[in-house]
Amino acid sequence: MEKLEAVQKVLRFSHSIREWCEGDHAIYFNDFDEQNVDDYSSGGFGNIADEIIERGIQENLLEEDEVD
């Protein structure tokens, strides 16, 4: 599964992770796209996307080897 798809899956199914993302970072589901999930520079969402995926793995929404 691509990184964007993994982020969207986690945000769709985890209320707590979605609240963390929206509350702490003011970033919403529709803000993520194919470019910014891989952008680690200022203004990119790469680090946040990685954290969302890690939290999704911890909540058993994703398998570790499921994300490309």
PDB file of N, CA and C in Angstrom:
ATOM      1  N   MET A   1       0.857  -1.172   0.000  1.00  0.00           N
ATOM      2  CA  MET A   1       0.000   0.000   0.000  1.00  0.00           C
ATOM      3  C   MET A   1       0.898   1.228   0.000  1.00  0.00           C
ATOM      4  N   GLU A   2       0.503   2.219  -0.770  1.00  0.00           N
ATOM      5  CA  GLU A   2       1.268   3.453  -0.832  1.00  0.00           C
ATOM      6  C   GLU A   2       1.107   4.249   0.467  1.00  0.00           C
ATOM      7  N   LYS A   3       2.035   5.133   0.697  1.00  0.00           N
ATOM      8  CA  LYS A   3       2.059   5.907   1.939  1.00  0.00           C
ATOM      9  C   LYS A   3       0.791   6.736   2.125  1.00  0.00           C
ATOM     10  N   LEU A   4       0.334   7.414   1.074  1.00  0.00           N
ATOM     11  CA  LEU A   4      -0.881   8.223   1.173  1.00  0.00           C
ATOM     12  C   LEU A   4      -2.082   7.358   1.539  1.00  0.00           C
ATOM     13  N   GLU A   5      -2.192   6.210   0.917  1.00  0.00           N
ATOM     14  CA  GLU A   5      -3.304   5.298   1.206  1.00  0.00           C
ATOM     15  C   GLU A   5      -3.255   4.830   2.660  1.00  0.00           C
ATOM     16  N   ALA A   6      -2.063   4.564   3.174  1.00  0.00           N
ATOM     17  CA  ALA A   6      -1.913   4.135   4.567  1.00  0.00           C
ATOM     18  C   ALA A   6      -2.336   5.245   5.527  1.00  0.00           C
ATOM     19  N   VAL A   7      -1.912   6.475   5.257  1.00  0.00           N
ATOM     20  CA  VAL A   7      -2.287   7.615   6.094  1.00  0.00           C
ATOM     21  C   VAL A   7      -3.805   7.787   6.090  1.00  0.00           C
ATOM     22  N   GLN A   8      -4.403   7.708   4.916  1.00  0.00           N
ATOM     23  CA  GLN A   8      -5.849   7.869   4.815  1.00  0.00           C
ATOM     24  C   GLN A   8      -6.596   6.761   5.561  1.00  0.00           C
ATOM     25  N   LYS A   9      -6.102   5.548   5.471  1.00  0.00           N
ATOM     26  CA  LYS A   9      -6.739   4.425   6.170  1.00  0.00           C
ATOM     27  C   LYS A   9      -6.717   4.651   7.678  1.00  0.00           C
ATOM     28  N   VAL A  10      -5.565   5.040   8.190  1.00  0.00           N
ATOM     29  CA  VAL A  10      -5.443   5.262   9.635  1.00  0.00           C
ATOM     30  C   VAL A  10      -6.357   6.404  10.079  1.00  0.00           C
ATOM     31  N   LEU A  11      -6.343   7.506   9.353  1.00  0.00           N
ATOM     32  CA  LEU A  11      -7.183   8.646   9.736  1.00  0.00           C
ATOM     33  C   LEU A  11      -8.672   8.317   9.628  1.00  0.00           C
ATOM     34  N   ARG A  12      -9.023   7.469   8.692  1.00  0.00           N
ATOM     35  CA  ARG A  12     -10.420   7.083   8.512  1.00  0.00           C
ATOM     36  C   ARG A  12     -10.919   6.224   9.677  1.00  0.00           C
ATOM     37  N   PHE A  13     -10.059   5.349  10.193  1.00  0.00           N
ATOM     38  CA  PHE A  13     -10.504   4.365  11.173  1.00  0.00           C
ATOM     39  C   PHE A  13     -10.068   4.628  12.615  1.00  0.00           C
ATOM     40  N   SER A  14      -9.227   5.614  12.852  1.00  0.00           N
ATOM     41  CA  SER A  14      -8.784   5.895  14.219  1.00  0.00           C
ATOM     42  C   SER A  14      -9.190   7.305  14.642  1.00  0.00           C
ATOM     43  N   HIS A  15     -10.165   7.355  15.497  1.00  0.00           N
ATOM     44  CA  HIS A  15     -10.642   8.642  16.005  1.00  0.00           C
ATOM     45  C   HIS A  15      -9.542   9.344  16.806  1.00  0.00           C
ATOM     46  N   SER A  16      -8.816   8.607  17.629  1.00  0.00           N
ATOM     47  CA  SER A  16      -7.788   9.227  18.478  1.00  0.00           C
ATOM     48  C   SER A  16      -6.634   9.798  17.646  1.00  0.00           C
ATOM     49  N   ILE A  17      -6.207   9.103  16.612  1.00  0.00           N
ATOM     50  CA  ILE A  17      -5.120   9.606  15.775  1.00  0.00           C
ATOM     51  C   ILE A  17      -5.601  10.803  14.962  1.00  0.00           C
ATOM     52  N   ARG A  18      -6.815  10.738  14.456  1.00  0.00           N
ATOM     53  CA  ARG A  18      -7.376  11.870  13.709  1.00  0.00           C
ATOM     54  C   ARG A  18      -7.467  13.101  14.603  1.00  0.00           C
ATOM     55  N   GLU A  19      -7.919  12.927  15.848  1.00  0.00           N
ATOM     56  CA  GLU A  19      -7.993  14.054  16.792  1.00  0.00           C
ATOM     57  C   GLU A  19      -6.616  14.614  17.086  1.00  0.00           C
ATOM     58  N   TRP A  20      -5.617  13.752  17.261  1.00  0.00           N
ATOM     59  CA  TRP A  20      -4.245  14.200  17.505  1.00  0.00           C
ATOM     60  C   TRP A  20      -3.743  15.027  16.321  1.00  0.00           C
ATOM     61  N   CYS A  21      -3.964  14.532  15.128  1.00  0.00           N
ATOM     62  CA  CYS A  21      -3.496  15.213  13.919  1.00  0.00           C
ATOM     63  C   CYS A  21      -4.190  16.569  13.753  1.00  0.00           C
ATOM     64  N   GLU A  22      -5.492  16.585  13.929  1.00  0.00           N
ATOM     65  CA  GLU A  22      -6.254  17.825  13.765  1.00  0.00           C
ATOM     66  C   GLU A  22      -5.992  18.797  14.910  1.00  0.00           C
ATOM     67  N   GLY A  23      -5.967  18.299  16.128  1.00  0.00           N
ATOM     68  CA  GLY A  23      -5.813  19.159  17.296  1.00  0.00           C
ATOM     69  C   GLY A  23      -4.403  19.695  17.489  1.00  0.00           C
ATOM     70  N   ASP A  24      -3.417  18.819  17.363  1.00  0.00           N
ATOM     71  CA  ASP A  24      -2.032  19.219  17.612  1.00  0.00           C
ATOM     72  C   ASP A  24      -1.355  19.879  16.404  1.00  0.00           C
ATOM     73  N   HIS A  25      -1.798  19.512  15.210  1.00  0.00           N
ATOM     74  CA  HIS A  25      -1.104  19.987  14.011  1.00  0.00           C
ATOM     75  C   HIS A  25      -1.999  20.767  13.047  1.00  0.00           C
ATOM     76  N   ALA A  26      -3.297  20.821  13.315  1.00  0.00           N
ATOM     77  CA  ALA A  26      -4.267  21.508  12.443  1.00  0.00           C
ATOM     78  C   ALA A  26      -4.162  21.028  10.993  1.00  0.00           C
ATOM     79  N   ILE A  27      -3.948  19.722  10.845  1.00  0.00           N
ATOM     80  CA  ILE A  27      -3.883  19.096   9.529  1.00  0.00           C
ATOM     81  C   ILE A  27      -5.024  18.092   9.457  1.00  0.00           C
ATOM     82  N   TYR A  28      -5.750  18.125   8.357  1.00  0.00           N
ATOM     83  CA  TYR A  28      -6.959  17.328   8.207  1.00  0.00           C
ATOM     84  C   TYR A  28      -6.793  16.302   7.086  1.00  0.00           C
ATOM     85  N   PHE A  29      -7.686  15.333   7.059  1.00  0.00           N
ATOM     86  CA  PHE A  29      -7.667  14.233   6.102  1.00  0.00           C
ATOM     87  C   PHE A  29      -7.402  14.733   4.684  1.00  0.00           C
ATOM     88  N   ASN A  30      -8.139  15.722   4.246  1.00  0.00           N
ATOM     89  CA  ASN A  30      -8.041  16.215   2.870  1.00  0.00           C
ATOM     90  C   ASN A  30      -6.779  17.026   2.597  1.00  0.00           C
ATOM     91  N   ASP A  31      -6.019  17.361   3.630  1.00  0.00           N
ATOM     92  CA  ASP A  31      -4.778  18.108   3.445  1.00  0.00           C
ATOM     93  C   ASP A  31      -3.646  17.235   2.896  1.00  0.00           C
ATOM     94  N   PHE A  32      -3.760  15.932   3.064  1.00  0.00           N
ATOM     95  CA  PHE A  32      -2.701  15.027   2.618  1.00  0.00           C
ATOM     96  C   PHE A  32      -2.859  14.721   1.132  1.00  0.00           C
ATOM     97  N   ASP A  33      -1.735  14.745   0.409  1.00  0.00           N
ATOM     98  CA  ASP A  33      -1.738  14.327  -0.991  1.00  0.00           C
ATOM     99  C   ASP A  33      -0.461  13.537  -1.274  1.00  0.00           C
ATOM    100  N   GLU A  34      -0.330  13.039  -2.487  1.00  0.00           N
ATOM    101  CA  GLU A  34       0.795  12.165  -2.828  1.00  0.00           C
ATOM    102  C   GLU A  34       2.153  12.838  -2.682  1.00  0.00           C
ATOM    103  N   GLN A  35       2.213  14.146  -2.869  1.00  0.00           N
ATOM    104  CA  GLN A  35       3.495  14.835  -2.770  1.00  0.00           C
ATOM    105  C   GLN A  35       3.868  15.156  -1.322  1.00  0.00           C
ATOM    106  N   ASN A  36       2.928  15.705  -0.553  1.00  0.00           N
ATOM    107  CA  ASN A  36       3.326  16.196   0.765  1.00  0.00           C
ATOM    108  C   ASN A  36       3.542  15.090   1.798  1.00  0.00           C
ATOM    109  N   VAL A  37       3.053  13.868   1.557  1.00  0.00           N
ATOM    110  CA  VAL A  37       3.340  12.790   2.511  1.00  0.00           C
ATOM    111  C   VAL A  37       4.793  12.340   2.418  1.00  0.00           C
ATOM    112  N   ASP A  38       5.449  12.680   1.327  1.00  0.00           N
ATOM    113  CA  ASP A  38       6.869  12.349   1.156  1.00  0.00           C
ATOM    114  C   ASP A  38       7.775  13.566   1.269  1.00  0.00           C
ATOM    115  N   ASP A  39       7.212  14.699   1.624  1.00  0.00           N
ATOM    116  CA  ASP A  39       7.964  15.949   1.714  1.00  0.00           C
ATOM    117  C   ASP A  39       8.369  16.181   3.168  1.00  0.00           C
ATOM    118  N   TYR A  40       9.676  16.131   3.423  1.00  0.00           N
ATOM    119  CA  TYR A  40      10.193  16.301   4.779  1.00  0.00           C
ATOM    120  C   TYR A  40      10.739  17.702   5.027  1.00  0.00           C
ATOM    121  N   SER A  41      10.592  18.579   4.050  1.00  0.00           N
ATOM    122  CA  SER A  41      11.045  19.954   4.229  1.00  0.00           C
ATOM    123  C   SER A  41       9.967  20.756   4.949  1.00  0.00           C
ATOM    124  N   SER A  42      10.271  21.979   5.255  1.00  0.00           N
ATOM    125  CA  SER A  42       9.312  22.854   5.916  1.00  0.00           C
ATOM    126  C   SER A  42       8.059  22.980   5.056  1.00  0.00           C
ATOM    127  N   GLY A  43       6.914  22.757   5.656  1.00  0.00           N
ATOM    128  CA  GLY A  43       5.656  22.824   4.923  1.00  0.00           C
ATOM    129  C   GLY A  43       5.182  21.478   4.424  1.00  0.00           C
ATOM    130  N   GLY A  44       6.050  20.488   4.457  1.00  0.00           N
ATOM    131  CA  GLY A  44       5.663  19.135   4.052  1.00  0.00           C
ATOM    132  C   GLY A  44       5.122  18.348   5.225  1.00  0.00           C
ATOM    133  N   PHE A  45       4.446  17.262   4.928  1.00  0.00           N
ATOM    134  CA  PHE A  45       3.822  16.453   5.978  1.00  0.00           C
ATOM    135  C   PHE A  45       4.501  15.102   6.172  1.00  0.00           C
ATOM    136  N   GLY A  46       5.729  14.941   5.659  1.00  0.00           N
ATOM    137  CA  GLY A  46       6.420  13.658   5.740  1.00  0.00           C
ATOM    138  C   GLY A  46       6.559  13.117   7.145  1.00  0.00           C
ATOM    139  N   ASN A  47       7.011  13.944   8.071  1.00  0.00           N
ATOM    140  CA  ASN A  47       7.195  13.481   9.453  1.00  0.00           C
ATOM    141  C   ASN A  47       5.868  13.139  10.117  1.00  0.00           C
ATOM    142  N   ILE A  48       4.868  13.945   9.874  1.00  0.00           N
ATOM    143  CA  ILE A  48       3.546  13.686  10.459  1.00  0.00           C
ATOM    144  C   ILE A  48       2.943  12.432   9.842  1.00  0.00           C
ATOM    145  N   ALA A  49       3.102  12.261   8.536  1.00  0.00           N
ATOM    146  CA  ALA A  49       2.602  11.056   7.875  1.00  0.00           C
ATOM    147  C   ALA A  49       3.269   9.812   8.452  1.00  0.00           C
ATOM    148  N   ASP A  50       4.573   9.878   8.683  1.00  0.00           N
ATOM    149  CA  ASP A  50       5.284   8.741   9.287  1.00  0.00           C
ATOM    150  C   ASP A  50       4.745   8.441  10.684  1.00  0.00           C
ATOM    151  N   GLU A  51       4.483   9.469  11.460  1.00  0.00           N
ATOM    152  CA  GLU A  51       3.949   9.287  12.809  1.00  0.00           C
ATOM    153  C   GLU A  51       2.545   8.684  12.760  1.00  0.00           C
ATOM    154  N   ILE A  52       1.734   9.131  11.828  1.00  0.00           N
ATOM    155  CA  ILE A  52       0.383   8.572  11.677  1.00  0.00           C
ATOM    156  C   ILE A  52       0.474   7.085  11.351  1.00  0.00           C
ATOM    157  N   ILE A  53       1.379   6.724  10.467  1.00  0.00           N
ATOM    158  CA  ILE A  53       1.548   5.313  10.106  1.00  0.00           C
ATOM    159  C   ILE A  53       2.037   4.507  11.301  1.00  0.00           C
ATOM    160  N   GLU A  54       3.012   5.034  12.043  1.00  0.00           N
ATOM    161  CA  GLU A  54       3.510   4.337  13.235  1.00  0.00           C
ATOM    162  C   GLU A  54       2.393   4.119  14.257  1.00  0.00           C
ATOM    163  N   ARG A  55       1.609   5.144  14.486  1.00  0.00           N
ATOM    164  CA  ARG A  55       0.496   5.017  15.429  1.00  0.00           C
ATOM    165  C   ARG A  55      -0.552   4.037  14.906  1.00  0.00           C
ATOM    166  N   GLY A  56      -0.754   4.019  13.603  1.00  0.00           N
ATOM    167  CA  GLY A  56      -1.681   3.065  12.995  1.00  0.00           C
ATOM    168  C   GLY A  56      -1.221   1.629  13.174  1.00  0.00           C
ATOM    169  N   ILE A  57       0.086   1.411  13.091  1.00  0.00           N
ATOM    170  CA  ILE A  57       0.647   0.078  13.330  1.00  0.00           C
ATOM    171  C   ILE A  57       0.444  -0.313  14.789  1.00  0.00           C
ATOM    172  N   GLN A  58       0.685   0.622  15.705  1.00  0.00           N
ATOM    173  CA  GLN A  58       0.502   0.348  17.128  1.00  0.00           C
ATOM    174  C   GLN A  58      -0.954   0.013  17.461  1.00  0.00           C
ATOM    175  N   GLU A  59      -1.893   0.615  16.727  1.00  0.00           N
ATOM    176  CA  GLU A  59      -3.321   0.342  16.957  1.00  0.00           C
ATOM    177  C   GLU A  59      -3.829  -0.831  16.121  1.00  0.00           C
ATOM    178  N   ASN A  60      -2.919  -1.538  15.454  1.00  0.00           N
ATOM    179  CA  ASN A  60      -3.239  -2.689  14.632  1.00  0.00           C
ATOM    180  C   ASN A  60      -4.173  -2.372  13.463  1.00  0.00           C
ATOM    181  N   LEU A  61      -4.061  -1.170  12.944  1.00  0.00           N
ATOM    182  CA  LEU A  61      -4.809  -0.792  11.744  1.00  0.00           C
ATOM    183  C   LEU A  61      -4.001  -1.108  10.486  1.00  0.00           C
ATOM    184  N   LEU A  62      -2.683  -1.211  10.654  1.00  0.00           N
ATOM    185  CA  LEU A  62      -1.773  -1.520   9.565  1.00  0.00           C
ATOM    186  C   LEU A  62      -0.774  -2.569  10.042  1.00  0.00           C
ATOM    187  N   GLU A  63      -0.248  -3.335   9.090  1.00  0.00           N
ATOM    188  CA  GLU A  63       0.861  -4.246   9.356  1.00  0.00           C
ATOM    189  C   GLU A  63       2.147  -3.492   9.029  1.00  0.00           C
ATOM    190  N   GLU A  64       3.236  -3.799   9.726  1.00  0.00           N
ATOM    191  CA  GLU A  64       4.509  -3.110   9.478  1.00  0.00           C
ATOM    192  C   GLU A  64       4.975  -3.229   8.033  1.00  0.00           C
ATOM    193  N   ASP A  65       4.796  -4.379   7.437  1.00  0.00           N
ATOM    194  CA  ASP A  65       5.276  -4.595   6.067  1.00  0.00           C
ATOM    195  C   ASP A  65       4.237  -4.241   5.009  1.00  0.00           C
ATOM    196  N   GLU A  66       3.132  -3.649   5.423  1.00  0.00           N
ATOM    197  CA  GLU A  66       2.040  -3.334   4.511  1.00  0.00           C
ATOM    198  C   GLU A  66       2.286  -2.052   3.718  1.00  0.00           C
ATOM    199  N   VAL A  67       3.103  -1.153   4.229  1.00  0.00           N
ATOM    200  CA  VAL A  67       3.322   0.153   3.607  1.00  0.00           C
ATOM    201  C   VAL A  67       4.595   0.118   2.770  1.00  0.00           C
ATOM    202  N   ASP A  68       4.486   0.630   1.525  1.00  0.00           N
ATOM    203  CA  ASP A  68       5.647   0.687   0.626  1.00  0.00           C
ATOM    204  C   ASP A  68       6.587   1.797   1.022  1.00  0.00           C
TER     205      ASP A  68
END
